[in-house]
């Protein structure tokens, strides 16, 4: 897993890359490499008490044939007191 993020005055870009190796039970190993890449942009209001974020996530199961892909767009808000 790798993550890069930096907080500017109100904006925070973030990129995260994750990979994992699946283990095939029937032959003791040699599974696919599953990967996921996230990118998001956060915006802070009221100090760190309120945060809004929008982002995109892409994942794949790494199979040689019939690879399954997933793409997600998300938005959220975080409120704290």
PDB file of N, CA and C in Angstrom:
ATOM      1  N   UNK A   1       0.846  -1.167   0.000  1.00  0.00           N
ATOM      2  CA  UNK A   1       0.000   0.000   0.000  1.00  0.00           C
ATOM      3  C   UNK A   1       0.889   1.226   0.000  1.00  0.00           C
ATOM      4  N   UNK A   2       0.504   2.219  -0.792  1.00  0.00           N
ATOM      5  CA  UNK A   2       1.188   3.501  -0.797  1.00  0.00           C
ATOM      6  C   UNK A   2       0.162   4.613  -0.807  1.00  0.00           C
ATOM      7  N   UNK A   3       0.440   5.692  -0.074  1.00  0.00           N
ATOM      8  CA  UNK A   3      -0.499   6.804   0.015  1.00  0.00           C
ATOM      9  C   UNK A   3       0.287   8.109  -0.029  1.00  0.00           C
ATOM     10  N   UNK A   4      -0.202   9.066  -0.826  1.00  0.00           N
ATOM     11  CA  UNK A   4       0.393  10.400  -0.886  1.00  0.00           C
ATOM     12  C   UNK A   4      -0.723  11.412  -0.713  1.00  0.00           C
ATOM     13  N   UNK A   5      -0.506  12.358   0.198  1.00  0.00           N
ATOM     14  CA  UNK A   5      -1.511  13.361   0.490  1.00  0.00           C
ATOM     15  C   UNK A   5      -0.810  14.605   1.019  1.00  0.00           C
ATOM     16  N   UNK A   6      -1.389  15.772   0.737  1.00  0.00           N
ATOM     17  CA  UNK A   6      -0.825  17.019   1.257  1.00  0.00           C
ATOM     18  C   UNK A   6      -1.966  17.996   1.505  1.00  0.00           C
ATOM     19  N   UNK A   7      -1.968  18.627   2.669  1.00  0.00           N
ATOM     20  CA  UNK A   7      -3.018  19.587   3.010  1.00  0.00           C
ATOM     21  C   UNK A   7      -2.542  20.993   2.682  1.00  0.00           C
ATOM     22  N   UNK A   8      -3.164  21.581   1.652  1.00  0.00           N
ATOM     23  CA  UNK A   8      -2.944  22.992   1.356  1.00  0.00           C
ATOM     24  C   UNK A   8      -3.846  23.778   2.306  1.00  0.00           C
ATOM     25  N   UNK A   9      -4.016  25.061   2.130  1.00  0.00           N
ATOM     26  CA  UNK A   9      -4.789  25.855   3.094  1.00  0.00           C
ATOM     27  C   UNK A   9      -6.190  25.297   3.354  1.00  0.00           C
ATOM     28  N   UNK A  10      -6.921  24.904   2.340  1.00  0.00           N
ATOM     29  CA  UNK A  10      -8.264  24.336   2.508  1.00  0.00           C
ATOM     30  C   UNK A  10      -8.477  23.048   1.719  1.00  0.00           C
ATOM     31  N   UNK A  11      -7.598  22.744   0.781  1.00  0.00           N
ATOM     32  CA  UNK A  11      -7.755  21.582  -0.097  1.00  0.00           C
ATOM     33  C   UNK A  11      -6.746  20.495   0.256  1.00  0.00           C
ATOM     34  N   UNK A  12      -7.165  19.244   0.088  1.00  0.00           N
ATOM     35  CA  UNK A  12      -6.274  18.111   0.338  1.00  0.00           C
ATOM     36  C   UNK A  12      -6.426  17.074  -0.777  1.00  0.00           C
ATOM     37  N   UNK A  13      -5.498  17.049  -1.747  1.00  0.00           N
ATOM     38  CA  UNK A  13      -5.510  15.967  -2.734  1.00  0.00           C
ATOM     39  C   UNK A  13      -4.908  14.701  -2.106  1.00  0.00           C
ATOM     40  N   UNK A  14      -5.413  13.549  -2.539  1.00  0.00           N
ATOM     41  CA  UNK A  14      -4.956  12.281  -1.986  1.00  0.00           C
ATOM     42  C   UNK A  14      -4.949  11.225  -3.092  1.00  0.00           C
ATOM     43  N   UNK A  15      -3.890  10.428  -3.136  1.00  0.00           N
ATOM     44  CA  UNK A  15      -3.794   9.290  -4.054  1.00  0.00           C
ATOM     45  C   UNK A  15      -3.345   8.088  -3.229  1.00  0.00           C
ATOM     46  N   UNK A  16      -4.048   6.953  -3.384  1.00  0.00           N
ATOM     47  CA  UNK A  16      -3.715   5.731  -2.648  1.00  0.00           C
ATOM     48  C   UNK A  16      -3.689   4.572  -3.631  1.00  0.00           C
ATOM     49  N   UNK A  17      -2.642   3.763  -3.552  1.00  0.00           N
ATOM     50  CA  UNK A  17      -2.496   2.574  -4.400  1.00  0.00           C
ATOM     51  C   UNK A  17      -2.355   1.369  -3.479  1.00  0.00           C
ATOM     52  N   UNK A  18      -3.153   0.330  -3.746  1.00  0.00           N
ATOM     53  CA  UNK A  18      -3.107  -0.883  -2.935  1.00  0.00           C
ATOM     54  C   UNK A  18      -3.006  -2.104  -3.844  1.00  0.00           C
ATOM     55  N   UNK A  19      -2.231  -3.081  -3.427  1.00  0.00           N
ATOM     56  CA  UNK A  19      -2.149  -4.346  -4.151  1.00  0.00           C
ATOM     57  C   UNK A  19      -2.083  -5.498  -3.158  1.00  0.00           C
ATOM     58  N   UNK A  20      -2.635  -6.622  -3.560  1.00  0.00           N
ATOM     59  CA  UNK A  20      -2.588  -7.827  -2.744  1.00  0.00           C
ATOM     60  C   UNK A  20      -2.537  -9.034  -3.670  1.00  0.00           C
ATOM     61  N   UNK A  21      -1.856 -10.064  -3.249  1.00  0.00           N
ATOM     62  CA  UNK A  21      -1.742 -11.293  -4.027  1.00  0.00           C
ATOM     63  C   UNK A  21      -2.723 -12.317  -3.475  1.00  0.00           C
ATOM     64  N   UNK A  22      -3.631 -12.800  -4.324  1.00  0.00           N
ATOM     65  CA  UNK A  22      -4.572 -13.839  -3.913  1.00  0.00           C
ATOM     66  C   UNK A  22      -3.847 -15.175  -3.880  1.00  0.00           C
ATOM     67  N   UNK A  23      -4.191 -15.999  -2.928  1.00  0.00           N
ATOM     68  CA  UNK A  23      -3.606 -17.333  -2.835  1.00  0.00           C
ATOM     69  C   UNK A  23      -4.617 -18.350  -3.334  1.00  0.00           C
ATOM     70  N   UNK A  24      -4.213 -19.155  -4.297  1.00  0.00           N
ATOM     71  CA  UNK A  24      -5.076 -20.228  -4.800  1.00  0.00           C
ATOM     72  C   UNK A  24      -4.960 -21.412  -3.851  1.00  0.00           C
ATOM     73  N   UNK A  25      -6.071 -21.819  -3.303  1.00  0.00           N
ATOM     74  CA  UNK A  25      -6.071 -22.897  -2.320  1.00  0.00           C
ATOM     75  C   UNK A  25      -5.748 -24.245  -2.963  1.00  0.00           C
ATOM     76  N   UNK A  26      -6.264 -24.473  -4.153  1.00  0.00           N
ATOM     77  CA  UNK A  26      -6.102 -25.807  -4.758  1.00  0.00           C
ATOM     78  C   UNK A  26      -4.662 -26.144  -5.122  1.00  0.00           C
ATOM     79  N   UNK A  27      -3.830 -25.143  -5.444  1.00  0.00           N
ATOM     80  CA  UNK A  27      -2.447 -25.484  -5.816  1.00  0.00           C
ATOM     81  C   UNK A  27      -1.413 -24.829  -4.895  1.00  0.00           C
ATOM     82  N   UNK A  28      -1.843 -24.230  -3.789  1.00  0.00           N
ATOM     83  CA  UNK A  28      -0.906 -23.721  -2.797  1.00  0.00           C
ATOM     84  C   UNK A  28      -0.282 -22.376  -3.120  1.00  0.00           C
ATOM     85  N   UNK A  29      -0.752 -21.647  -4.098  1.00  0.00           N
ATOM     86  CA  UNK A  29      -0.200 -20.317  -4.378  1.00  0.00           C
ATOM     87  C   UNK A  29      -0.347 -19.945  -5.833  1.00  0.00           C
ATOM     88  N   UNK A  30       0.278 -18.838  -6.225  1.00  0.00           N
ATOM     89  CA  UNK A  30       0.258 -18.408  -7.611  1.00  0.00           C
ATOM     90  C   UNK A  30      -1.008 -17.710  -8.031  1.00  0.00           C
ATOM     91  N   UNK A  31      -1.686 -17.035  -7.101  1.00  0.00           N
ATOM     92  CA  UNK A  31      -2.946 -16.370  -7.412  1.00  0.00           C
ATOM     93  C   UNK A  31      -2.768 -15.054  -8.148  1.00  0.00           C
ATOM     94  N   UNK A  32      -3.867 -14.398  -8.427  1.00  0.00           N
ATOM     95  CA  UNK A  32      -3.875 -13.126  -9.136  1.00  0.00           C
ATOM     96  C   UNK A  32      -3.458 -11.989  -8.216  1.00  0.00           C
ATOM     97  N   UNK A  33      -2.968 -10.905  -8.818  1.00  0.00           N
ATOM     98  CA  UNK A  33      -2.668  -9.695  -8.071  1.00  0.00           C
ATOM     99  C   UNK A  33      -3.858  -8.750  -8.188  1.00  0.00           C
ATOM    100  N   UNK A  34      -4.503  -8.477  -7.081  1.00  0.00           N
ATOM    101  CA  UNK A  34      -5.648  -7.580  -7.021  1.00  0.00           C
ATOM    102  C   UNK A  34      -5.126  -6.173  -6.739  1.00  0.00           C
ATOM    103  N   UNK A  35      -5.619  -5.172  -7.482  1.00  0.00           N
ATOM    104  CA  UNK A  35      -5.141  -3.808  -7.260  1.00  0.00           C
ATOM    105  C   UNK A  35      -6.302  -2.826  -7.172  1.00  0.00           C
ATOM    106  N   UNK A  36      -6.062  -1.720  -6.445  1.00  0.00           N
ATOM    107  CA  UNK A  36      -7.052  -0.664  -6.302  1.00  0.00           C
ATOM    108  C   UNK A  36      -6.328   0.676  -6.247  1.00  0.00           C
ATOM    109  N   UNK A  37      -6.837   1.636  -6.999  1.00  0.00           N
ATOM    110  CA  UNK A  37      -6.274   2.986  -7.030  1.00  0.00           C
ATOM    111  C   UNK A  37      -7.388   3.962  -6.674  1.00  0.00           C
ATOM    112  N   UNK A  38      -7.134   4.816  -5.676  1.00  0.00           N
ATOM    113  CA  UNK A  38      -8.091   5.843  -5.255  1.00  0.00           C
ATOM    114  C   UNK A  38      -7.473   7.211  -5.488  1.00  0.00           C
ATOM    115  N   UNK A  39      -8.300   8.159  -5.910  1.00  0.00           N
ATOM    116  CA  UNK A  39      -7.899   9.556  -6.007  1.00  0.00           C
ATOM    117  C   UNK A  39      -9.057  10.382  -5.463  1.00  0.00           C
ATOM    118  N   UNK A  40      -8.749  11.327  -4.581  1.00  0.00           N
ATOM    119  CA  UNK A  40      -9.816  12.158  -4.059  1.00  0.00           C
ATOM    120  C   UNK A  40      -9.322  13.556  -3.731  1.00  0.00           C
ATOM    121  N   UNK A  41     -10.265  14.473  -3.638  1.00  0.00           N
ATOM    122  CA  UNK A  41      -9.971  15.852  -3.286  1.00  0.00           C
ATOM    123  C   UNK A  41     -10.880  16.238  -2.131  1.00  0.00           C
ATOM    124  N   UNK A  42     -10.258  16.631  -1.015  1.00  0.00           N
ATOM    125  CA  UNK A  42     -11.008  17.050   0.155  1.00  0.00           C
ATOM    126  C   UNK A  42     -10.980  18.564   0.293  1.00  0.00           C
ATOM    127  N   UNK A  43     -12.034  19.112   0.868  1.00  0.00           N
ATOM    128  CA  UNK A  43     -12.125  20.545   1.133  1.00  0.00           C
ATOM    129  C   UNK A  43     -12.540  20.731   2.581  1.00  0.00           C
ATOM    130  N   UNK A  44     -11.761  21.492   3.341  1.00  0.00           N
ATOM    131  CA  UNK A  44     -12.002  21.682   4.766  1.00  0.00           C
ATOM    132  C   UNK A  44     -12.691  23.015   5.033  1.00  0.00           C
ATOM    133  N   UNK A  45     -13.739  22.976   5.864  1.00  0.00           N
ATOM    134  CA  UNK A  45     -14.457  24.161   6.323  1.00  0.00           C
ATOM    135  C   UNK A  45     -14.357  24.196   7.851  1.00  0.00           C
ATOM    136  N   UNK A  46     -14.463  25.346   8.426  1.00  0.00           N
ATOM    137  CA  UNK A  46     -14.526  25.458   9.891  1.00  0.00           C
ATOM    138  C   UNK A  46     -13.360  24.731  10.555  1.00  0.00           C
ATOM    139  N   UNK A  47     -12.143  25.096  10.164  1.00  0.00           N
ATOM    140  CA  UNK A  47     -10.968  24.394  10.690  1.00  0.00           C
ATOM    141  C   UNK A  47     -10.966  22.960  10.187  1.00  0.00           C
ATOM    142  N   UNK A  48     -10.871  22.000  11.120  1.00  0.00           N
ATOM    143  CA  UNK A  48     -10.938  20.590  10.740  1.00  0.00           C
ATOM    144  C   UNK A  48     -12.276  19.971  11.123  1.00  0.00           C
ATOM    145  N   UNK A  49     -13.253  20.796  11.531  1.00  0.00           N
ATOM    146  CA  UNK A  49     -14.544  20.291  11.993  1.00  0.00           C
ATOM    147  C   UNK A  49     -15.449  19.783  10.888  1.00  0.00           C
ATOM    148  N   UNK A  50     -15.324  20.317   9.686  1.00  0.00           N
ATOM    149  CA  UNK A  50     -16.181  19.906   8.570  1.00  0.00           C
ATOM    150  C   UNK A  50     -15.311  19.650   7.347  1.00  0.00           C
ATOM    151  N   UNK A  51     -15.522  18.506   6.724  1.00  0.00           N
ATOM    152  CA  UNK A  51     -14.745  18.128   5.543  1.00  0.00           C
ATOM    153  C   UNK A  51     -15.679  17.567   4.486  1.00  0.00           C
ATOM    154  N   UNK A  52     -15.492  17.994   3.250  1.00  0.00           N
ATOM    155  CA  UNK A  52     -16.221  17.439   2.113  1.00  0.00           C
ATOM    156  C   UNK A  52     -15.190  16.804   1.184  1.00  0.00           C
ATOM    157  N   UNK A  53     -15.564  15.724   0.535  1.00  0.00           N
ATOM    158  CA  UNK A  53     -14.635  15.031  -0.356  1.00  0.00           C
ATOM    159  C   UNK A  53     -15.366  14.466  -1.561  1.00  0.00           C
ATOM    160  N   UNK A  54     -14.693  14.480  -2.698  1.00  0.00           N
ATOM    161  CA  UNK A  54     -15.149  13.802  -3.904  1.00  0.00           C
ATOM    162  C   UNK A  54     -13.985  12.966  -4.402  1.00  0.00           C
ATOM    163  N   UNK A  55     -14.292  11.844  -5.021  1.00  0.00           N
ATOM    164  CA  UNK A  55     -13.193  10.997  -5.456  1.00  0.00           C
ATOM    165  C   UNK A  55     -13.604   9.964  -6.479  1.00  0.00           C
ATOM    166  N   UNK A  56     -12.602   9.197  -6.883  1.00  0.00           N
ATOM    167  CA  UNK A  56     -12.753   8.146  -7.883  1.00  0.00           C
ATOM    168  C   UNK A  56     -11.915   6.951  -7.435  1.00  0.00           C
ATOM    169  N   UNK A  57     -12.452   5.751  -7.578  1.00  0.00           N
ATOM    170  CA  UNK A  57     -11.730   4.524  -7.239  1.00  0.00           C
ATOM    171  C   UNK A  57     -11.825   3.548  -8.406  1.00  0.00           C
ATOM    172  N   UNK A  58     -10.703   2.919  -8.722  1.00  0.00           N
ATOM    173  CA  UNK A  58     -10.640   1.904  -9.780  1.00  0.00           C
ATOM    174  C   UNK A  58     -10.011   0.653  -9.179  1.00  0.00           C
ATOM    175  N   UNK A  59     -10.608  -0.506  -9.453  1.00  0.00           N
ATOM    176  CA  UNK A  59     -10.033  -1.760  -8.970  1.00  0.00           C
ATOM    177  C   UNK A  59     -10.109  -2.825 -10.055  1.00  0.00           C
ATOM    178  N   UNK A  60      -9.198  -3.794  -9.971  1.00  0.00           N
ATOM    179  CA  UNK A  60      -9.211  -4.932 -10.891  1.00  0.00           C
ATOM    180  C   UNK A  60      -8.774  -6.175 -10.139  1.00  0.00           C
ATOM    181  N   UNK A  61      -9.258  -7.335 -10.589  1.00  0.00           N
ATOM    182  CA  UNK A  61      -8.904  -8.581  -9.915  1.00  0.00           C
ATOM    183  C   UNK A  61      -7.632  -9.210 -10.473  1.00  0.00           C
ATOM    184  N   UNK A  62      -7.085  -8.668 -11.550  1.00  0.00           N
ATOM    185  CA  UNK A  62      -5.801  -9.123 -12.066  1.00  0.00           C
ATOM    186  C   UNK A  62      -5.810 -10.471 -12.753  1.00  0.00           C
ATOM    187  N   UNK A  63      -6.965 -11.021 -13.034  1.00  0.00           N
ATOM    188  CA  UNK A  63      -7.019 -12.318 -13.725  1.00  0.00           C
ATOM    189  C   UNK A  63      -6.478 -12.162 -15.145  1.00  0.00           C
ATOM    190  N   UNK A  64      -5.808 -13.176 -15.639  1.00  0.00           N
ATOM    191  CA  UNK A  64      -5.251 -13.115 -16.985  1.00  0.00           C
ATOM    192  C   UNK A  64      -6.347 -13.015 -18.042  1.00  0.00           C
ATOM    193  N   UNK A  65      -7.365 -13.825 -17.891  1.00  0.00           N
ATOM    194  CA  UNK A  65      -8.507 -13.782 -18.802  1.00  0.00           C
ATOM    195  C   UNK A  65      -9.745 -13.453 -17.984  1.00  0.00           C
ATOM    196  N   UNK A  66     -10.682 -12.778 -18.599  1.00  0.00           N
ATOM    197  CA  UNK A  66     -11.927 -12.382 -17.924  1.00  0.00           C
ATOM    198  C   UNK A  66     -11.676 -11.491 -16.710  1.00  0.00           C
ATOM    199  N   UNK A  67     -10.748 -10.556 -16.823  1.00  0.00           N
ATOM    200  CA  UNK A  67     -10.443  -9.632 -15.736  1.00  0.00           C
ATOM    201  C   UNK A  67     -11.671  -8.807 -15.401  1.00  0.00           C
ATOM    202  N   UNK A  68     -11.981  -8.707 -14.124  1.00  0.00           N
ATOM    203  CA  UNK A  68     -13.116  -7.922 -13.652  1.00  0.00           C
ATOM    204  C   UNK A  68     -12.621  -6.555 -13.184  1.00  0.00           C
ATOM    205  N   UNK A  69     -13.244  -5.489 -13.679  1.00  0.00           N
ATOM    206  CA  UNK A  69     -12.895  -4.122 -13.308  1.00  0.00           C
ATOM    207  C   UNK A  69     -14.059  -3.483 -12.576  1.00  0.00           C
ATOM    208  N   UNK A  70     -13.739  -2.518 -11.733  1.00  0.00           N
ATOM    209  CA  UNK A  70     -14.762  -1.760 -11.027  1.00  0.00           C
ATOM    210  C   UNK A  70     -14.335  -0.302 -10.976  1.00  0.00           C
ATOM    211  N   UNK A  71     -15.240   0.609 -11.303  1.00  0.00           N
ATOM    212  CA  UNK A  71     -14.993   2.042 -11.209  1.00  0.00           C
ATOM    213  C   UNK A  71     -16.093   2.658 -10.357  1.00  0.00           C
ATOM    214  N   UNK A  72     -15.698   3.535  -9.425  1.00  0.00           N
ATOM    215  CA  UNK A  72     -16.648   4.147  -8.509  1.00  0.00           C
ATOM    216  C   UNK A  72     -16.343   5.634  -8.389  1.00  0.00           C
ATOM    217  N   UNK A  73     -17.375   6.452  -8.440  1.00  0.00           N
ATOM    218  CA  UNK A  73     -17.265   7.883  -8.146  1.00  0.00           C
ATOM    219  C   UNK A  73     -18.022   8.095  -6.839  1.00  0.00           C
ATOM    220  N   UNK A  74     -17.416   8.820  -5.896  1.00  0.00           N
ATOM    221  CA  UNK A  74     -18.069   9.007  -4.609  1.00  0.00           C
ATOM    222  C   UNK A  74     -17.938  10.438  -4.122  1.00  0.00           C
ATOM    223  N   UNK A  75     -18.844  10.813  -3.224  1.00  0.00           N
ATOM    224  CA  UNK A  75     -18.835  12.117  -2.574  1.00  0.00           C
ATOM    225  C   UNK A  75     -19.279  11.914  -1.133  1.00  0.00           C
ATOM    226  N   UNK A  76     -18.733  12.719  -0.238  1.00  0.00           N
ATOM    227  CA  UNK A  76     -19.110  12.578   1.155  1.00  0.00           C
ATOM    228  C   UNK A  76     -18.840  13.834   1.960  1.00  0.00           C
ATOM    229  N   UNK A  77     -19.397  13.856   3.156  1.00  0.00           N
ATOM    230  CA  UNK A  77     -19.179  14.961   4.077  1.00  0.00           C
ATOM    231  C   UNK A  77     -18.945  14.377   5.461  1.00  0.00           C
ATOM    232  N   UNK A  78     -18.041  14.980   6.211  1.00  0.00           N
ATOM    233  CA  UNK A  78     -17.710  14.544   7.557  1.00  0.00           C
ATOM    234  C   UNK A  78     -17.893  15.728   8.501  1.00  0.00           C
ATOM    235  N   UNK A  79     -18.693  15.549   9.543  1.00  0.00           N
ATOM    236  CA  UNK A  79     -18.962  16.596  10.532  1.00  0.00           C
ATOM    237  C   UNK A  79     -18.450  16.149  11.891  1.00  0.00           C
ATOM    238  N   UNK A  80     -17.752  17.023  12.607  1.00  0.00           N
ATOM    239  CA  UNK A  80     -17.239  16.705  13.935  1.00  0.00           C
ATOM    240  C   UNK A  80     -17.535  17.856  14.883  1.00  0.00           C
ATOM    241  N   UNK A  81     -17.638  17.549  16.124  1.00  0.00           N
ATOM    242  CA  UNK A  81     -17.785  18.576  17.176  1.00  0.00           C
ATOM    243  C   UNK A  81     -16.766  18.348  18.235  1.00  0.00           C
TER     244      UNK A  81
END
